[in-house]
Amino acid sequence: MARVNPEKILEYLAQEMRPALEKAVRDAIPGATFDARALFASFTQEVAKRHSTFEQVPDSCVQT
C-alpha cells in the first residue's frame, strides 16, 4: 500500500481539478454564482481537515 497526501495531490493537480470542480457544480446547480478559485480553496481545506496528512491507498492507484 502506498501513502499519499490528499491535500498536496489536490494542490499539485489544481490546474486540472479546479475547472472540473467548477463544471461539476455548474452542472449540478444551474445558475449558481461562485468564485471557482475560492470554491477550490475551500474544497482543499475541507479535504485537509477530514483526512490525515497521509492516507493509505492501494498500490494500483500509484504508478512509479
C-alpha atoms as a PDB file:
ATOM      1  CA  MET A   1       0.000   0.000   0.000  1.00  0.00           C
ATOM      2  CA  ALA A   2       1.253   3.442  -0.908  1.00  0.00           C
ATOM      3  CA  ARG A   3       0.848   6.534   1.248  1.00  0.00           C
ATOM      4  CA  VAL A   4      -0.298   9.808  -0.306  1.00  0.00           C
ATOM      5  CA  ASN A   5      -1.053  13.296   0.946  1.00  0.00           C
ATOM      6  CA  PRO A   6      -4.517  14.204  -0.455  1.00  0.00           C
ATOM      7  CA  GLU A   7      -4.089  17.948   0.111  1.00  0.00           C
ATOM      8  CA  LYS A   8      -0.738  18.009  -1.703  1.00  0.00           C
ATOM      9  CA  ILE A   9      -2.180  15.991  -4.588  1.00  0.00           C
ATOM     10  CA  LEU A  10      -5.047  18.465  -4.968  1.00  0.00           C
ATOM     11  CA  GLU A  11      -2.628  21.391  -4.880  1.00  0.00           C
ATOM     12  CA  TYR A  12      -0.403  19.735  -7.480  1.00  0.00           C
ATOM     13  CA  LEU A  13      -3.356  18.969  -9.786  1.00  0.00           C
ATOM     14  CA  ALA A  14      -5.197  22.261  -9.173  1.00  0.00           C
ATOM     15  CA  GLN A  15      -4.887  23.419 -12.798  1.00  0.00           C
ATOM     16  CA  GLU A  16      -6.822  20.323 -13.937  1.00  0.00           C
ATOM     17  CA  MET A  17      -9.072  19.806 -10.917  1.00  0.00           C
ATOM     18  CA  ARG A  18     -10.330  23.369 -10.411  1.00  0.00           C
ATOM     19  CA  PRO A  19     -12.105  23.584 -13.804  1.00  0.00           C
ATOM     20  CA  ALA A  20     -13.551  20.093 -13.303  1.00  0.00           C
ATOM     21  CA  LEU A  21     -14.971  21.049  -9.896  1.00  0.00           C
ATOM     22  CA  GLU A  22     -16.368  24.285 -11.336  1.00  0.00           C
ATOM     23  CA  LYS A  23     -18.102  22.409 -14.173  1.00  0.00           C
ATOM     24  CA  ALA A  24     -19.496  19.790 -11.809  1.00  0.00           C
ATOM     25  CA  VAL A  25     -21.026  22.461  -9.555  1.00  0.00           C
ATOM     26  CA  ARG A  26     -22.438  24.409 -12.513  1.00  0.00           C
ATOM     27  CA  ASP A  27     -23.943  21.202 -13.941  1.00  0.00           C
ATOM     28  CA  ALA A  28     -25.426  20.195 -10.576  1.00  0.00           C
ATOM     29  CA  ILE A  29     -26.647  23.690  -9.662  1.00  0.00           C
ATOM     30  CA  PRO A  30     -27.526  25.586 -12.846  1.00  0.00           C
ATOM     31  CA  GLY A  31     -27.307  29.340 -12.379  1.00  0.00           C
ATOM     32  CA  ALA A  32     -25.006  29.088  -9.363  1.00  0.00           C
ATOM     33  CA  THR A  33     -22.668  32.027  -8.942  1.00  0.00           C
ATOM     34  CA  PHE A  34     -19.363  31.493  -7.170  1.00  0.00           C
ATOM     35  CA  ASP A  35     -15.657  32.158  -7.427  1.00  0.00           C
ATOM     36  CA  ALA A  36     -14.078  28.966  -8.788  1.00  0.00           C
ATOM     37  CA  ARG A  37     -10.744  29.648  -7.086  1.00  0.00           C
ATOM     38  CA  ALA A  38     -12.401  30.263  -3.713  1.00  0.00           C
ATOM     39  CA  LEU A  39     -14.514  27.122  -4.140  1.00  0.00           C
ATOM     40  CA  PHE A  40     -11.458  25.001  -4.894  1.00  0.00           C
ATOM     41  CA  ALA A  41      -9.519  26.520  -1.991  1.00  0.00           C
ATOM     42  CA  SER A  42     -12.405  25.764   0.370  1.00  0.00           C
ATOM     43  CA  PHE A  43     -12.677  22.223  -1.006  1.00  0.00           C
ATOM     44  CA  THR A  44      -8.949  21.657  -0.496  1.00  0.00           C
ATOM     45  CA  GLN A  45      -9.190  22.949   3.088  1.00  0.00           C
ATOM     46  CA  GLU A  46     -12.091  20.594   3.841  1.00  0.00           C
ATOM     47  CA  VAL A  47     -10.152  17.638   2.434  1.00  0.00           C
ATOM     48  CA  ALA A  48      -7.210  18.586   4.662  1.00  0.00           C
ATOM     49  CA  LYS A  49      -9.488  18.739   7.733  1.00  0.00           C
ATOM     50  CA  ARG A  50     -11.116  15.373   7.082  1.00  0.00           C
ATOM     51  CA  HIS A  51      -8.069  13.354   6.117  1.00  0.00           C
ATOM     52  CA  SER A  52      -4.860  12.739   7.947  1.00  0.00           C
ATOM     53  CA  THR A  53      -1.677  14.093   6.443  1.00  0.00           C
ATOM     54  CA  PHE A  54      -1.075  10.792   4.674  1.00  0.00           C
ATOM     55  CA  GLU A  55      -3.665   8.247   3.544  1.00  0.00           C
ATOM     56  CA  GLN A  56      -3.010   4.665   2.543  1.00  0.00           C
ATOM     57  CA  VAL A  57      -4.131   3.805  -0.983  1.00  0.00           C
ATOM     58  CA  PRO A  58      -3.820   0.550  -2.913  1.00  0.00           C
ATOM     59  CA  ASP A  59      -0.676   0.174  -4.991  1.00  0.00           C
ATOM     60  CA  SER A  60      -2.923   0.036  -8.067  1.00  0.00           C
ATOM     61  CA  CYS A  61      -3.619   3.768  -7.514  1.00  0.00           C
ATOM     62  CA  VAL A  62       0.057   4.698  -7.783  1.00  0.00           C
ATOM     63  CA  GLN A  63       2.493   4.196 -10.634  1.00  0.00           C
ATOM     64  CA  THR A  64       6.187   4.726 -10.016  1.00  0.00           C
END
